[in-house]
Amino acid sequence: MRARSVAYALRAPVERALHDMVRDDILTPVDRSDWATSIVAVVKKDGNIRICADYKLTLNKVIEVDRYPLPKVEDVLARLHGGEKFSKIDLSQAYA
């Protein structure tokens, strides 16, 4: 698969974002991969870059879809009633 082109104005910020992800052990550089795919650089409202992967032509074709339906929110909340332990998720890099 050919690499998707990145606008010249975004090349340095994209390189910095990729470098930061490697530094933080989110990504690992490889020479070759059977699962390689194009990246999409999205500029967030605050000017930072979000690196997204476009798997529609690679990984999505071979994924086995899990047909297990997600439970309704009401059912989950009913099962959690009276619970004493909770967890916290850090979504600081998610959908800002």
PDB file of N, CA and C in Angstrom:
ATOM      1  N   MET A   1       0.846  -1.177   0.000  1.00  0.00           N
ATOM      2  CA  MET A   1       0.000   0.000   0.000  1.00  0.00           C
ATOM      3  C   MET A   1       0.889   1.236   0.000  1.00  0.00           C
ATOM      4  N   ARG A   2       0.563   2.176  -0.837  1.00  0.00           N
ATOM      5  CA  ARG A   2       1.316   3.424  -0.906  1.00  0.00           C
ATOM      6  C   ARG A   2       1.047   4.293   0.303  1.00  0.00           C
ATOM      7  N   ALA A   3       2.073   5.022   0.710  1.00  0.00           N
ATOM      8  CA  ALA A   3       1.906   5.940   1.844  1.00  0.00           C
ATOM      9  C   ALA A   3       1.055   7.127   1.404  1.00  0.00           C
ATOM     10  N   ARG A   4       0.198   7.582   2.289  1.00  0.00           N
ATOM     11  CA  ARG A   4      -0.623   8.765   2.024  1.00  0.00           C
ATOM     12  C   ARG A   4       0.270   9.993   2.193  1.00  0.00           C
ATOM     13  N   SER A   5       0.147  10.948   1.299  1.00  0.00           N
ATOM     14  CA  SER A   5       0.988  12.140   1.382  1.00  0.00           C
ATOM     15  C   SER A   5       0.527  13.050   2.524  1.00  0.00           C
ATOM     16  N   VAL A   6       1.495  13.760   3.094  1.00  0.00           N
ATOM     17  CA  VAL A   6       1.235  14.692   4.178  1.00  0.00           C
ATOM     18  C   VAL A   6       1.569  16.088   3.666  1.00  0.00           C
ATOM     19  N   ALA A   7       0.706  17.045   3.948  1.00  0.00           N
ATOM     20  CA  ALA A   7       0.944  18.424   3.501  1.00  0.00           C
ATOM     21  C   ALA A   7       2.286  18.908   4.042  1.00  0.00           C
ATOM     22  N   TYR A   8       2.992  19.699   3.241  1.00  0.00           N
ATOM     23  CA  TYR A   8       4.309  20.201   3.649  1.00  0.00           C
ATOM     24  C   TYR A   8       4.242  20.937   4.980  1.00  0.00           C
ATOM     25  N   ALA A   9       3.196  21.689   5.208  1.00  0.00           N
ATOM     26  CA  ALA A   9       3.069  22.456   6.452  1.00  0.00           C
ATOM     27  C   ALA A   9       2.916  21.548   7.667  1.00  0.00           C
ATOM     28  N   LEU A  10       2.466  20.313   7.456  1.00  0.00           N
ATOM     29  CA  LEU A  10       2.245  19.390   8.576  1.00  0.00           C
ATOM     30  C   LEU A  10       3.384  18.397   8.785  1.00  0.00           C
ATOM     31  N   ARG A  11       4.353  18.371   7.878  1.00  0.00           N
ATOM     32  CA  ARG A  11       5.388  17.339   7.971  1.00  0.00           C
ATOM     33  C   ARG A  11       6.186  17.410   9.263  1.00  0.00           C
ATOM     34  N   ALA A  12       6.636  18.587   9.644  1.00  0.00           N
ATOM     35  CA  ALA A  12       7.417  18.714  10.892  1.00  0.00           C
ATOM     36  C   ALA A  12       6.575  18.362  12.117  1.00  0.00           C
ATOM     37  N   PRO A  13       5.337  18.889  12.242  1.00  0.00           N
ATOM     38  CA  PRO A  13       4.522  18.499  13.397  1.00  0.00           C
ATOM     39  C   PRO A  13       4.195  17.004  13.433  1.00  0.00           C
ATOM     40  N   VAL A  14       3.988  16.392  12.270  1.00  0.00           N
ATOM     41  CA  VAL A  14       3.706  14.955  12.219  1.00  0.00           C
ATOM     42  C   VAL A  14       4.941  14.179  12.660  1.00  0.00           C
ATOM     43  N   GLU A  15       6.114  14.572  12.183  1.00  0.00           N
ATOM     44  CA  GLU A  15       7.350  13.916  12.605  1.00  0.00           C
ATOM     45  C   GLU A  15       7.547  14.026  14.114  1.00  0.00           C
ATOM     46  N   ARG A  16       7.258  15.218  14.669  1.00  0.00           N
ATOM     47  CA  ARG A  16       7.376  15.401  16.119  1.00  0.00           C
ATOM     48  C   ARG A  16       6.396  14.498  16.867  1.00  0.00           C
ATOM     49  N   ALA A  17       5.159  14.425  16.369  1.00  0.00           N
ATOM     50  CA  ALA A  17       4.142  13.587  17.012  1.00  0.00           C
ATOM     51  C   ALA A  17       4.549  12.115  16.960  1.00  0.00           C
ATOM     52  N   LEU A  18       5.067  11.666  15.828  1.00  0.00           N
ATOM     53  CA  LEU A  18       5.519  10.279  15.714  1.00  0.00           C
ATOM     54  C   LEU A  18       6.711  10.026  16.633  1.00  0.00           C
ATOM     55  N   HIS A  19       7.647  10.964  16.688  1.00  0.00           N
ATOM     56  CA  HIS A  19       8.806  10.836  17.575  1.00  0.00           C
ATOM     57  C   HIS A  19       8.356  10.740  19.033  1.00  0.00           C
ATOM     58  N   ASP A  20       7.392  11.578  19.412  1.00  0.00           N
ATOM     59  CA  ASP A  20       6.875  11.545  20.782  1.00  0.00           C
ATOM     60  C   ASP A  20       6.211  10.210  21.096  1.00  0.00           C
ATOM     61  N   MET A  21       5.498   9.649  20.121  1.00  0.00           N
ATOM     62  CA  MET A  21       4.832   8.362  20.342  1.00  0.00           C
ATOM     63  C   MET A  21       5.856   7.231  20.472  1.00  0.00           C
ATOM     64  N   VAL A  22       6.957   7.306  19.729  1.00  0.00           N
ATOM     65  CA  VAL A  22       8.023   6.313  19.868  1.00  0.00           C
ATOM     66  C   VAL A  22       8.689   6.474  21.227  1.00  0.00           C
ATOM     67  N   ARG A  23       8.963   7.724  21.617  1.00  0.00           N
ATOM     68  CA  ARG A  23       9.594   8.004  22.910  1.00  0.00           C
ATOM     69  C   ARG A  23       8.743   7.482  24.073  1.00  0.00           C
ATOM     70  N   ASP A  24       7.423   7.604  23.950  1.00  0.00           N
ATOM     71  CA  ASP A  24       6.504   7.180  25.004  1.00  0.00           C
ATOM     72  C   ASP A  24       6.123   5.703  24.909  1.00  0.00           C
ATOM     73  N   ASP A  25       6.805   4.948  24.040  1.00  0.00           N
ATOM     74  CA  ASP A  25       6.567   3.508  23.835  1.00  0.00           C
ATOM     75  C   ASP A  25       5.155   3.194  23.356  1.00  0.00           C
ATOM     76  N   ILE A  26       4.551   4.112  22.633  1.00  0.00           N
ATOM     77  CA  ILE A  26       3.246   3.861  22.024  1.00  0.00           C
ATOM     78  C   ILE A  26       3.449   3.181  20.677  1.00  0.00           C
ATOM     79  N   LEU A  27       4.476   3.634  19.941  1.00  0.00           N
ATOM     80  CA  LEU A  27       4.839   3.047  18.653  1.00  0.00           C
ATOM     81  C   LEU A  27       6.232   2.452  18.747  1.00  0.00           C
ATOM     82  N   THR A  28       6.484   1.428  17.929  1.00  0.00           N
ATOM     83  CA  THR A  28       7.805   0.835  17.816  1.00  0.00           C
ATOM     84  C   THR A  28       8.201   0.834  16.347  1.00  0.00           C
ATOM     85  N   PRO A  29       9.321   1.436  16.004  1.00  0.00           N
ATOM     86  CA  PRO A  29       9.743   1.446  14.596  1.00  0.00           C
ATOM     87  C   PRO A  29      10.064   0.037  14.101  1.00  0.00           C
ATOM     88  N   VAL A  30       9.635  -0.272  12.884  1.00  0.00           N
ATOM     89  CA  VAL A  30       9.942  -1.553  12.242  1.00  0.00           C
ATOM     90  C   VAL A  30      10.338  -1.280  10.795  1.00  0.00           C
ATOM     91  N   ASP A  31      11.075  -2.202  10.201  1.00  0.00           N
ATOM     92  CA  ASP A  31      11.462  -2.050   8.793  1.00  0.00           C
ATOM     93  C   ASP A  31      10.327  -2.447   7.862  1.00  0.00           C
ATOM     94  N   ARG A  32       9.545  -3.435   8.292  1.00  0.00           N
ATOM     95  CA  ARG A  32       8.485  -3.956   7.444  1.00  0.00           C
ATOM     96  C   ARG A  32       7.428  -4.623   8.312  1.00  0.00           C
ATOM     97  N   SER A  33       6.174  -4.599   7.852  1.00  0.00           N
ATOM     98  CA  SER A  33       5.097  -5.249   8.584  1.00  0.00           C
ATOM     99  C   SER A  33       4.006  -5.683   7.613  1.00  0.00           C
ATOM    100  N   ASP A  34       3.439  -6.860   7.881  1.00  0.00           N
ATOM    101  CA  ASP A  34       2.312  -7.330   7.072  1.00  0.00           C
ATOM    102  C   ASP A  34       1.066  -6.494   7.339  1.00  0.00           C
ATOM    103  N   TRP A  35       1.041  -5.762   8.445  1.00  0.00           N
ATOM    104  CA  TRP A  35      -0.130  -4.999   8.839  1.00  0.00           C
ATOM    105  C   TRP A  35       0.067  -3.492   8.649  1.00  0.00           C
ATOM    106  N   ALA A  36       1.059  -3.103   7.888  1.00  0.00           N
ATOM    107  CA  ALA A  36       1.327  -1.678   7.670  1.00  0.00           C
ATOM    108  C   ALA A  36       0.122  -1.005   7.016  1.00  0.00           C
ATOM    109  N   THR A  37      -0.084   0.240   7.354  1.00  0.00           N
ATOM    110  CA  THR A  37      -1.195   1.000   6.791  1.00  0.00           C
ATOM    111  C   THR A  37      -0.832   2.473   6.753  1.00  0.00           C
ATOM    112  N   SER A  38      -1.595   3.237   6.036  1.00  0.00           N
ATOM    113  CA  SER A  38      -1.360   4.676   5.949  1.00  0.00           C
ATOM    114  C   SER A  38      -1.792   5.364   7.234  1.00  0.00           C
ATOM    115  N   ILE A  39      -1.138   6.487   7.522  1.00  0.00           N
ATOM    116  CA  ILE A  39      -1.577   7.294   8.655  1.00  0.00           C
ATOM    117  C   ILE A  39      -2.326   8.507   8.130  1.00  0.00           C
ATOM    118  N   VAL A  40      -3.167   9.039   8.971  1.00  0.00           N
ATOM    119  CA  VAL A  40      -3.904  10.263   8.677  1.00  0.00           C
ATOM    120  C   VAL A  40      -3.575  11.232   9.800  1.00  0.00           C
ATOM    121  N   ALA A  41      -3.064  12.399   9.449  1.00  0.00           N
ATOM    122  CA  ALA A  41      -2.729  13.413  10.446  1.00  0.00           C
ATOM    123  C   ALA A  41      -3.900  14.374  10.576  1.00  0.00           C
ATOM    124  N   VAL A  42      -4.433  14.483  11.778  1.00  0.00           N
ATOM    125  CA  VAL A  42      -5.573  15.353  12.038  1.00  0.00           C
ATOM    126  C   VAL A  42      -5.111  16.483  12.948  1.00  0.00           C
ATOM    127  N   VAL A  43      -5.399  17.713  12.557  1.00  0.00           N
ATOM    128  CA  VAL A  43      -5.051  18.863  13.389  1.00  0.00           C
ATOM    129  C   VAL A  43      -6.201  19.096  14.365  1.00  0.00           C
ATOM    130  N   LYS A  44      -5.882  19.041  15.664  1.00  0.00           N
ATOM    131  CA  LYS A  44      -6.899  19.249  16.689  1.00  0.00           C
ATOM    132  C   LYS A  44      -7.132  20.740  16.894  1.00  0.00           C
ATOM    133  N   LYS A  45      -8.189  21.088  17.610  1.00  0.00           N
ATOM    134  CA  LYS A  45      -8.549  22.490  17.841  1.00  0.00           C
ATOM    135  C   LYS A  45      -7.422  23.280  18.496  1.00  0.00           C
ATOM    136  N   ASP A  46      -6.663  22.599  19.366  1.00  0.00           N
ATOM    137  CA  ASP A  46      -5.576  23.300  20.054  1.00  0.00           C
ATOM    138  C   ASP A  46      -4.297  23.376  19.227  1.00  0.00           C
ATOM    139  N   GLY A  47      -4.323  22.876  17.992  1.00  0.00           N
ATOM    140  CA  GLY A  47      -3.170  22.951  17.100  1.00  0.00           C
ATOM    141  C   GLY A  47      -2.278  21.729  17.129  1.00  0.00           C
ATOM    142  N   ASN A  48      -2.477  20.840  18.102  1.00  0.00           N
ATOM    143  CA  ASN A  48      -1.686  19.610  18.155  1.00  0.00           C
ATOM    144  C   ASN A  48      -2.116  18.665  17.044  1.00  0.00           C
ATOM    145  N   ILE A  49      -1.295  17.671  16.794  1.00  0.00           N
ATOM    146  CA  ILE A  49      -1.561  16.690  15.748  1.00  0.00           C
ATOM    147  C   ILE A  49      -2.006  15.384  16.383  1.00  0.00           C
ATOM    148  N   ARG A  50      -3.059  14.797  15.851  1.00  0.00           N
ATOM    149  CA  ARG A  50      -3.481  13.449  16.244  1.00  0.00           C
ATOM    150  C   ARG A  50      -3.138  12.532  15.076  1.00  0.00           C
ATOM    151  N   ILE A  51      -2.425  11.462  15.380  1.00  0.00           N
ATOM    152  CA  ILE A  51      -2.058  10.481  14.363  1.00  0.00           C
ATOM    153  C   ILE A  51      -3.096   9.367  14.391  1.00  0.00           C
ATOM    154  N   CYS A  52      -3.742   9.150  13.263  1.00  0.00           N
ATOM    155  CA  CYS A  52      -4.742   8.090  13.134  1.00  0.00           C
ATOM    156  C   CYS A  52      -4.272   7.103  12.071  1.00  0.00           C
ATOM    157  N   ALA A  53      -4.704   5.868  12.170  1.00  0.00           N
ATOM    158  CA  ALA A  53      -4.372   4.849  11.181  1.00  0.00           C
ATOM    159  C   ALA A  53      -5.613   4.564  10.339  1.00  0.00           C
ATOM    160  N   ASP A  54      -5.410   4.358   9.041  1.00  0.00           N
ATOM    161  CA  ASP A  54      -6.505   4.056   8.132  1.00  0.00           C
ATOM    162  C   ASP A  54      -6.410   2.586   7.729  1.00  0.00           C
ATOM    163  N   TYR A  55      -7.147   1.739   8.431  1.00  0.00           N
ATOM    164  CA  TYR A  55      -7.065   0.293   8.224  1.00  0.00           C
ATOM    165  C   TYR A  55      -8.092  -0.254   7.231  1.00  0.00           C
ATOM    166  N   LYS A  56      -8.808   0.601   6.538  1.00  0.00           N
ATOM    167  CA  LYS A  56      -9.898   0.096   5.689  1.00  0.00           C
ATOM    168  C   LYS A  56      -9.416  -0.822   4.568  1.00  0.00           C
ATOM    169  N   LEU A  57      -8.182  -0.645   4.095  1.00  0.00           N
ATOM    170  CA  LEU A  57      -7.696  -1.496   3.011  1.00  0.00           C
ATOM    171  C   LEU A  57      -6.761  -2.602   3.487  1.00  0.00           C
ATOM    172  N   THR A  58      -6.438  -2.630   4.763  1.00  0.00           N
ATOM    173  CA  THR A  58      -5.496  -3.639   5.249  1.00  0.00           C
ATOM    174  C   THR A  58      -6.137  -4.513   6.323  1.00  0.00           C
ATOM    175  N   LEU A  59      -6.068  -4.084   7.544  1.00  0.00           N
ATOM    176  CA  LEU A  59      -6.491  -4.890   8.680  1.00  0.00           C
ATOM    177  C   LEU A  59      -7.990  -5.190   8.700  1.00  0.00           C
ATOM    178  N   ASN A  60      -8.806  -4.218   8.316  1.00  0.00           N
ATOM    179  CA  ASN A  60     -10.263  -4.410   8.358  1.00  0.00           C
ATOM    180  C   ASN A  60     -10.726  -5.587   7.510  1.00  0.00           C
ATOM    181  N   LYS A  61      -9.985  -5.903   6.443  1.00  0.00           N
ATOM    182  CA  LYS A  61     -10.396  -6.992   5.551  1.00  0.00           C
ATOM    183  C   LYS A  61     -10.242  -8.365   6.196  1.00  0.00           C
ATOM    184  N   VAL A  62      -9.380  -8.484   7.207  1.00  0.00           N
ATOM    185  CA  VAL A  62      -9.120  -9.797   7.795  1.00  0.00           C
ATOM    186  C   VAL A  62      -9.599  -9.924   9.242  1.00  0.00           C
ATOM    187  N   ILE A  63     -10.182  -8.883   9.779  1.00  0.00           N
ATOM    188  CA  ILE A  63     -10.676  -8.934  11.157  1.00  0.00           C
ATOM    189  C   ILE A  63     -11.939  -9.783  11.225  1.00  0.00           C
ATOM    190  N   GLU A  64     -11.978 -10.656  12.220  1.00  0.00           N
ATOM    191  CA  GLU A  64     -13.188 -11.425  12.466  1.00  0.00           C
ATOM    192  C   GLU A  64     -14.063 -10.588  13.396  1.00  0.00           C
ATOM    193  N   VAL A  65     -15.239 -10.245  12.940  1.00  0.00           N
ATOM    194  CA  VAL A  65     -16.131  -9.383  13.701  1.00  0.00           C
ATOM    195  C   VAL A  65     -16.751 -10.171  14.845  1.00  0.00           C
ATOM    196  N   ASP A  66     -16.645  -9.607  16.040  1.00  0.00           N
ATOM    197  CA  ASP A  66     -17.251 -10.216  17.220  1.00  0.00           C
ATOM    198  C   ASP A  66     -18.710  -9.780  17.254  1.00  0.00           C
ATOM    199  N   ARG A  67     -19.605 -10.696  17.164  1.00  0.00           N
ATOM    200  CA  ARG A  67     -21.029 -10.375  17.095  1.00  0.00           C
ATOM    201  C   ARG A  67     -21.675 -10.202  18.464  1.00  0.00           C
ATOM    202  N   TYR A  68     -20.864 -10.148  19.521  1.00  0.00           N
ATOM    203  CA  TYR A  68     -21.407  -9.976  20.856  1.00  0.00           C
ATOM    204  C   TYR A  68     -21.924  -8.555  21.003  1.00  0.00           C
ATOM    205  N   PRO A  69     -23.219  -8.384  21.263  1.00  0.00           N
ATOM    206  CA  PRO A  69     -23.764  -7.020  21.377  1.00  0.00           C
ATOM    207  C   PRO A  69     -23.347  -6.361  22.691  1.00  0.00           C
ATOM    208  N   LEU A  70     -23.116  -5.073  22.641  1.00  0.00           N
ATOM    209  CA  LEU A  70     -22.799  -4.328  23.858  1.00  0.00           C
ATOM    210  C   LEU A  70     -24.035  -4.253  24.747  1.00  0.00           C
ATOM    211  N   PRO A  71     -23.840  -4.372  26.046  1.00  0.00           N
ATOM    212  CA  PRO A  71     -24.998  -4.283  26.942  1.00  0.00           C
ATOM    213  C   PRO A  71     -25.528  -2.849  27.003  1.00  0.00           C
ATOM    214  N   LYS A  72     -26.792  -2.725  27.333  1.00  0.00           N
ATOM    215  CA  LYS A  72     -27.395  -1.395  27.481  1.00  0.00           C
ATOM    216  C   LYS A  72     -26.859  -0.740  28.740  1.00  0.00           C
ATOM    217  N   VAL A  73     -26.772   0.589  28.718  1.00  0.00           N
ATOM    218  CA  VAL A  73     -26.261   1.347  29.863  1.00  0.00           C
ATOM    219  C   VAL A  73     -27.071   1.029  31.108  1.00  0.00           C
ATOM    220  N   GLU A  74     -28.380   0.931  30.971  1.00  0.00           N
ATOM    221  CA  GLU A  74     -29.241   0.649  32.115  1.00  0.00           C
ATOM    222  C   GLU A  74     -28.890  -0.693  32.753  1.00  0.00           C
ATOM    223  N   ASP A  75     -28.592  -1.700  31.926  1.00  0.00           N
ATOM    224  CA  ASP A  75     -28.239  -3.017  32.444  1.00  0.00           C
ATOM    225  C   ASP A  75     -26.904  -2.973  33.192  1.00  0.00           C
ATOM    226  N   VAL A  76     -25.939  -2.249  32.648  1.00  0.00           N
ATOM    227  CA  VAL A  76     -24.636  -2.130  33.296  1.00  0.00           C
ATOM    228  C   VAL A  76     -24.778  -1.416  34.636  1.00  0.00           C
ATOM    229  N   LEU A  77     -25.522  -0.316  34.652  1.00  0.00           N
ATOM    230  CA  LEU A  77     -25.701   0.427  35.896  1.00  0.00           C
ATOM    231  C   LEU A  77     -26.432  -0.409  36.951  1.00  0.00           C
ATOM    232  N   ALA A  78     -27.387  -1.218  36.526  1.00  0.00           N
ATOM    233  CA  ALA A  78     -28.106  -2.078  37.468  1.00  0.00           C
ATOM    234  C   ALA A  78     -27.155  -3.115  38.081  1.00  0.00           C
ATOM    235  N   ARG A  79     -26.234  -3.636  37.274  1.00  0.00           N
ATOM    236  CA  ARG A  79     -25.279  -4.617  37.791  1.00  0.00           C
ATOM    237  C   ARG A  79     -24.245  -3.974  38.703  1.00  0.00           C
ATOM    238  N   LEU A  80     -23.960  -2.686  38.498  1.00  0.00           N
ATOM    239  CA  LEU A  80     -22.973  -1.989  39.326  1.00  0.00           C
ATOM    240  C   LEU A  80     -23.557  -1.481  40.640  1.00  0.00           C
ATOM    241  N   HIS A  81     -24.875  -1.497  40.767  1.00  0.00           N
ATOM    242  CA  HIS A  81     -25.534  -0.986  41.970  1.00  0.00           C
ATOM    243  C   HIS A  81     -24.989  -1.680  43.215  1.00  0.00           C
ATOM    244  N   GLY A  82     -24.554  -0.884  44.175  1.00  0.00           N
ATOM    245  CA  GLY A  82     -24.004  -1.433  45.405  1.00  0.00           C
ATOM    246  C   GLY A  82     -22.526  -1.762  45.308  1.00  0.00           C
ATOM    247  N   GLY A  83     -21.905  -1.477  44.162  1.00  0.00           N
ATOM    248  CA  GLY A  83     -20.483  -1.765  43.994  1.00  0.00           C
ATOM    249  C   GLY A  83     -19.613  -0.901  44.889  1.00  0.00           C
ATOM    250  N   GLU A  84     -18.449  -1.406  45.219  1.00  0.00           N
ATOM    251  CA  GLU A  84     -17.546  -0.687  46.109  1.00  0.00           C
ATOM    252  C   GLU A  84     -16.210  -0.355  45.459  1.00  0.00           C
ATOM    253  N   LYS A  85     -15.909  -0.925  44.318  1.00  0.00           N
ATOM    254  CA  LYS A  85     -14.629  -0.678  43.652  1.00  0.00           C
ATOM    255  C   LYS A  85     -14.896  -0.064  42.288  1.00  0.00           C
ATOM    256  N   PHE A  86     -14.128   0.961  41.983  1.00  0.00           N
ATOM    257  CA  PHE A  86     -14.286   1.650  40.710  1.00  0.00           C
ATOM    258  C   PHE A  86     -12.912   1.868  40.095  1.00  0.00           C
ATOM    259  N   SER A  87     -12.867   2.110  38.804  1.00  0.00           N
ATOM    260  CA  SER A  87     -11.591   2.390  38.142  1.00  0.00           C
ATOM    261  C   SER A  87     -11.696   3.722  37.406  1.00  0.00           C
ATOM    262  N   LYS A  88     -10.561   4.212  37.009  1.00  0.00           N
ATOM    263  CA  LYS A  88     -10.498   5.504  36.334  1.00  0.00           C
ATOM    264  C   LYS A  88      -9.716   5.331  35.041  1.00  0.00           C
ATOM    265  N   ILE A  89     -10.190   5.931  33.968  1.00  0.00           N
ATOM    266  CA  ILE A  89      -9.515   5.885  32.673  1.00  0.00           C
ATOM    267  C   ILE A  89      -9.020   7.282  32.346  1.00  0.00           C
ATOM    268  N   ASP A  90      -7.777   7.360  31.901  1.00  0.00           N
ATOM    269  CA  ASP A  90      -7.203   8.646  31.499  1.00  0.00           C
ATOM    270  C   ASP A  90      -7.448   8.833  30.001  1.00  0.00           C
ATOM    271  N   LEU A  91      -8.363   9.712  29.659  1.00  0.00           N
ATOM    272  CA  LEU A  91      -8.686   9.968  28.251  1.00  0.00           C
ATOM    273  C   LEU A  91      -8.095  11.291  27.779  1.00  0.00           C
ATOM    274  N   SER A  92      -7.010  11.721  28.402  1.00  0.00           N
ATOM    275  CA  SER A  92      -6.447  13.035  28.076  1.00  0.00           C
ATOM    276  C   SER A  92      -6.004  13.126  26.618  1.00  0.00           C
ATOM    277  N   GLN A  93      -5.629  12.007  26.004  1.00  0.00           N
ATOM    278  CA  GLN A  93      -5.187  12.030  24.602  1.00  0.00           C
ATOM    279  C   GLN A  93      -6.280  11.540  23.650  1.00  0.00           C
ATOM    280  N   ALA A  94      -7.474  11.331  24.160  1.00  0.00           N
ATOM    281  CA  ALA A  94      -8.530  10.739  23.345  1.00  0.00           C
ATOM    282  C   ALA A  94      -9.169  11.758  22.401  1.00  0.00           C
ATOM    283  N   TYR A  95     -10.265  12.300  22.736  1.00  0.00           N
ATOM    284  CA  TYR A  95     -11.043  13.120  21.806  1.00  0.00           C
ATOM    285  C   TYR A  95     -11.085  14.574  22.217  1.00  0.00           C
ATOM    286  N   ALA A  96      -9.930  15.168  22.401  1.00  0.00           N
ATOM    287  CA  ALA A  96      -9.866  16.574  22.801  1.00  0.00           C
ATOM    288  C   ALA A  96     -10.019  17.478  21.600  1.00  0.00           C
TER     289      ALA A  96
END
